[in-house]
């Protein structure tokens, strides 16, 4: 299933996209997936860093490694 979304982009950016690909929808979809994955990874890293700053015990905060692995798995899923 797909959704139609209308967006406005600067003319120069639109010209570059149209010159780069024959399938603007697929191109923009891939770009959005990559951006969303990047944002999720950035947020996960920040959450982990915030947790580490608040943690007063020895070693890495419990669950930090699992959270990173979960974000990586989710990131790979958004690329498909």
N, C-alpha and C. Protein backbone atom coordinates (compact mmCIF):
# COMPACT_ATOMS: atom_id res chain seq x y z
N UNK A 1 0.84 -1.16 0.00
CA UNK A 1 0.00 0.00 0.00
C UNK A 1 0.90 1.24 0.00
N UNK A 2 0.47 2.26 -0.63
CA UNK A 2 1.25 3.50 -0.64
C UNK A 2 0.34 4.70 -0.44
N UNK A 3 0.96 5.79 -0.06
CA UNK A 3 0.22 7.02 0.24
C UNK A 3 0.77 8.13 -0.65
N UNK A 4 -0.10 8.93 -1.16
CA UNK A 4 0.32 10.09 -1.94
C UNK A 4 0.53 11.25 -0.98
N UNK A 5 1.71 11.85 -1.06
CA UNK A 5 2.04 13.02 -0.25
C UNK A 5 2.60 14.08 -1.18
N UNK A 6 2.08 15.26 -1.07
CA UNK A 6 2.57 16.37 -1.90
C UNK A 6 3.52 17.21 -1.06
N UNK A 7 4.71 17.43 -1.58
CA UNK A 7 5.68 18.27 -0.89
C UNK A 7 6.21 19.32 -1.85
N UNK A 8 6.69 20.41 -1.29
CA UNK A 8 7.30 21.46 -2.10
C UNK A 8 8.79 21.47 -1.78
N UNK A 9 9.60 21.46 -2.83
CA UNK A 9 11.05 21.52 -2.67
C UNK A 9 11.57 22.67 -3.53
N UNK A 10 12.73 23.20 -3.18
CA UNK A 10 13.31 24.25 -4.01
C UNK A 10 13.52 23.76 -5.44
N UNK A 11 13.38 24.66 -6.41
CA UNK A 11 13.52 24.28 -7.83
C UNK A 11 14.85 23.58 -8.11
N UNK A 12 15.94 24.10 -7.54
CA UNK A 12 17.24 23.50 -7.84
C UNK A 12 17.32 22.06 -7.34
N UNK A 13 16.73 21.78 -6.17
CA UNK A 13 16.73 20.42 -5.65
C UNK A 13 15.86 19.51 -6.50
N UNK A 14 14.70 19.99 -6.88
CA UNK A 14 13.82 19.21 -7.75
C UNK A 14 14.47 18.89 -9.08
N UNK A 15 15.19 19.86 -9.65
CA UNK A 15 15.89 19.64 -10.93
C UNK A 15 16.95 18.55 -10.79
N UNK A 16 17.68 18.57 -9.66
CA UNK A 16 18.72 17.57 -9.45
C UNK A 16 18.11 16.18 -9.32
N UNK A 17 17.02 16.07 -8.56
CA UNK A 17 16.38 14.76 -8.39
C UNK A 17 15.87 14.24 -9.73
N UNK A 18 15.20 15.09 -10.50
CA UNK A 18 14.67 14.65 -11.79
C UNK A 18 15.78 14.27 -12.76
N UNK A 19 16.93 14.94 -12.67
CA UNK A 19 18.06 14.60 -13.54
C UNK A 19 18.77 13.34 -13.08
N UNK A 20 18.59 12.99 -11.80
CA UNK A 20 19.30 11.85 -11.22
C UNK A 20 18.57 10.54 -11.43
N UNK A 21 17.24 10.58 -11.46
CA UNK A 21 16.47 9.33 -11.50
C UNK A 21 15.24 9.46 -12.38
N UNK A 22 14.80 8.33 -12.89
CA UNK A 22 13.54 8.28 -13.64
C UNK A 22 12.35 8.02 -12.71
N UNK A 23 12.65 7.55 -11.49
CA UNK A 23 11.60 7.20 -10.54
C UNK A 23 11.76 8.07 -9.28
N UNK A 24 11.16 9.24 -9.32
CA UNK A 24 11.29 10.20 -8.22
C UNK A 24 10.71 9.61 -6.93
N UNK A 25 9.59 8.92 -7.01
CA UNK A 25 8.96 8.34 -5.82
C UNK A 25 9.90 7.36 -5.12
N UNK A 26 10.51 6.47 -5.86
CA UNK A 26 11.43 5.49 -5.27
C UNK A 26 12.65 6.19 -4.68
N UNK A 27 13.15 7.21 -5.37
CA UNK A 27 14.31 7.96 -4.92
C UNK A 27 14.02 8.66 -3.59
N UNK A 28 12.88 9.34 -3.53
CA UNK A 28 12.51 10.06 -2.31
C UNK A 28 12.19 9.08 -1.19
N UNK A 29 11.56 7.97 -1.50
CA UNK A 29 11.26 6.95 -0.48
C UNK A 29 12.55 6.44 0.15
N UNK A 30 13.54 6.14 -0.67
CA UNK A 30 14.83 5.67 -0.15
C UNK A 30 15.50 6.74 0.71
N UNK A 31 15.45 7.98 0.26
CA UNK A 31 16.04 9.08 1.04
C UNK A 31 15.35 9.23 2.39
N UNK A 32 14.03 9.14 2.41
CA UNK A 32 13.29 9.24 3.66
C UNK A 32 13.62 8.10 4.61
N UNK A 33 13.71 6.88 4.08
CA UNK A 33 14.07 5.72 4.92
C UNK A 33 15.45 5.92 5.55
N UNK A 34 16.39 6.40 4.76
CA UNK A 34 17.74 6.63 5.28
C UNK A 34 17.74 7.72 6.34
N UNK A 35 17.00 8.78 6.13
CA UNK A 35 16.92 9.87 7.10
C UNK A 35 16.28 9.40 8.40
N UNK A 36 15.20 8.65 8.30
CA UNK A 36 14.52 8.13 9.49
C UNK A 36 15.46 7.21 10.27
N UNK A 37 16.17 6.33 9.58
CA UNK A 37 17.11 5.42 10.24
C UNK A 37 18.22 6.21 10.94
N UNK A 38 18.75 7.24 10.27
CA UNK A 38 19.79 8.09 10.86
C UNK A 38 19.28 8.78 12.12
N UNK A 39 18.07 9.32 12.05
CA UNK A 39 17.48 10.01 13.20
C UNK A 39 17.28 9.04 14.37
N UNK A 40 16.82 7.82 14.07
CA UNK A 40 16.60 6.83 15.13
C UNK A 40 17.93 6.43 15.78
N UNK A 41 18.96 6.24 14.97
CA UNK A 41 20.27 5.90 15.53
C UNK A 41 20.80 7.03 16.39
N UNK A 42 20.67 8.26 15.90
CA UNK A 42 21.13 9.43 16.67
C UNK A 42 20.39 9.52 18.01
N UNK A 43 19.09 9.31 17.99
CA UNK A 43 18.30 9.37 19.22
C UNK A 43 18.71 8.25 20.18
N UNK A 44 18.92 7.05 19.65
CA UNK A 44 19.33 5.93 20.50
C UNK A 44 20.68 6.21 21.14
N UNK A 45 21.62 6.73 20.35
CA UNK A 45 22.94 7.07 20.91
C UNK A 45 22.81 8.11 22.00
N UNK A 46 21.97 9.12 21.76
CA UNK A 46 21.79 10.17 22.77
C UNK A 46 21.16 9.61 24.03
N UNK A 47 20.18 8.73 23.89
CA UNK A 47 19.55 8.10 25.06
C UNK A 47 20.56 7.30 25.86
N UNK A 48 21.42 6.59 25.15
CA UNK A 48 22.45 5.80 25.83
C UNK A 48 23.43 6.72 26.55
N UNK A 49 23.86 7.78 25.86
CA UNK A 49 24.79 8.72 26.50
C UNK A 49 24.15 9.38 27.71
N UNK A 50 22.90 9.76 27.60
CA UNK A 50 22.20 10.35 28.73
C UNK A 50 22.13 9.36 29.89
N UNK A 51 21.87 8.09 29.58
CA UNK A 51 21.82 7.06 30.62
C UNK A 51 23.16 6.84 31.28
N UNK A 52 24.22 6.89 30.48
CA UNK A 52 25.57 6.70 31.02
C UNK A 52 25.92 7.86 31.94
N UNK A 53 25.56 9.06 31.56
CA UNK A 53 25.83 10.24 32.41
C UNK A 53 25.11 10.14 33.75
N UNK A 54 23.92 9.54 33.74
CA UNK A 54 23.14 9.41 34.97
C UNK A 54 23.52 8.19 35.79
N UNK A 55 24.30 7.28 35.20
CA UNK A 55 24.66 6.02 35.85
C UNK A 55 25.86 6.23 36.75
N UNK A 56 25.75 5.73 37.97
CA UNK A 56 26.83 5.94 38.93
C UNK A 56 27.55 4.64 39.30
N UNK A 57 27.19 3.53 38.68
CA UNK A 57 27.81 2.26 39.03
C UNK A 57 28.98 1.94 38.11
N UNK A 58 29.61 0.79 38.33
CA UNK A 58 30.74 0.39 37.49
C UNK A 58 30.28 -0.12 36.13
N UNK A 59 31.10 0.03 35.11
CA UNK A 59 30.83 -0.52 33.79
C UNK A 59 29.76 0.23 33.02
N UNK A 60 29.34 -0.38 31.94
CA UNK A 60 28.33 0.20 31.06
C UNK A 60 26.95 -0.06 31.63
N UNK A 61 26.07 0.89 31.45
CA UNK A 61 24.71 0.74 31.97
C UNK A 61 24.06 -0.51 31.41
N UNK A 62 23.39 -1.26 32.27
CA UNK A 62 22.71 -2.48 31.87
C UNK A 62 21.68 -2.16 30.78
N UNK A 63 21.69 -2.93 29.70
CA UNK A 63 20.73 -2.74 28.62
C UNK A 63 21.22 -1.85 27.50
N UNK A 64 22.33 -1.15 27.69
CA UNK A 64 22.82 -0.23 26.66
C UNK A 64 23.19 -0.97 25.38
N UNK A 65 23.90 -2.08 25.52
CA UNK A 65 24.31 -2.84 24.34
C UNK A 65 23.10 -3.40 23.59
N UNK A 66 22.13 -3.90 24.33
CA UNK A 66 20.92 -4.43 23.69
C UNK A 66 20.16 -3.33 22.96
N UNK A 67 20.13 -2.13 23.53
CA UNK A 67 19.44 -1.02 22.88
C UNK A 67 20.13 -0.67 21.55
N UNK A 68 21.46 -0.64 21.56
CA UNK A 68 22.19 -0.36 20.32
C UNK A 68 21.91 -1.42 19.26
N UNK A 69 21.95 -2.69 19.66
CA UNK A 69 21.69 -3.76 18.70
C UNK A 69 20.27 -3.68 18.15
N UNK A 70 19.32 -3.34 19.01
CA UNK A 70 17.93 -3.19 18.56
C UNK A 70 17.78 -2.08 17.54
N UNK A 71 18.45 -0.96 17.77
CA UNK A 71 18.39 0.15 16.82
C UNK A 71 19.04 -0.24 15.50
N UNK A 72 20.11 -0.98 15.55
CA UNK A 72 20.75 -1.44 14.30
C UNK A 72 19.81 -2.34 13.52
N UNK A 73 19.15 -3.29 14.22
CA UNK A 73 18.20 -4.18 13.54
C UNK A 73 17.08 -3.37 12.91
N UNK A 74 16.53 -2.42 13.65
CA UNK A 74 15.46 -1.59 13.13
C UNK A 74 15.93 -0.77 11.92
N UNK A 75 17.16 -0.31 11.98
CA UNK A 75 17.72 0.47 10.89
C UNK A 75 17.80 -0.37 9.61
N UNK A 76 18.25 -1.63 9.75
CA UNK A 76 18.35 -2.49 8.58
C UNK A 76 16.97 -2.79 8.00
N UNK A 77 15.96 -2.91 8.88
CA UNK A 77 14.59 -3.19 8.41
C UNK A 77 14.04 -2.03 7.60
N UNK A 78 14.38 -0.79 7.97
CA UNK A 78 13.83 0.36 7.24
C UNK A 78 14.47 0.49 5.87
N UNK A 79 15.61 -0.13 5.65
CA UNK A 79 16.26 -0.06 4.34
C UNK A 79 15.61 -0.97 3.32
N UNK A 80 14.91 -1.99 3.80
CA UNK A 80 14.31 -2.98 2.89
C UNK A 80 13.09 -2.46 2.22
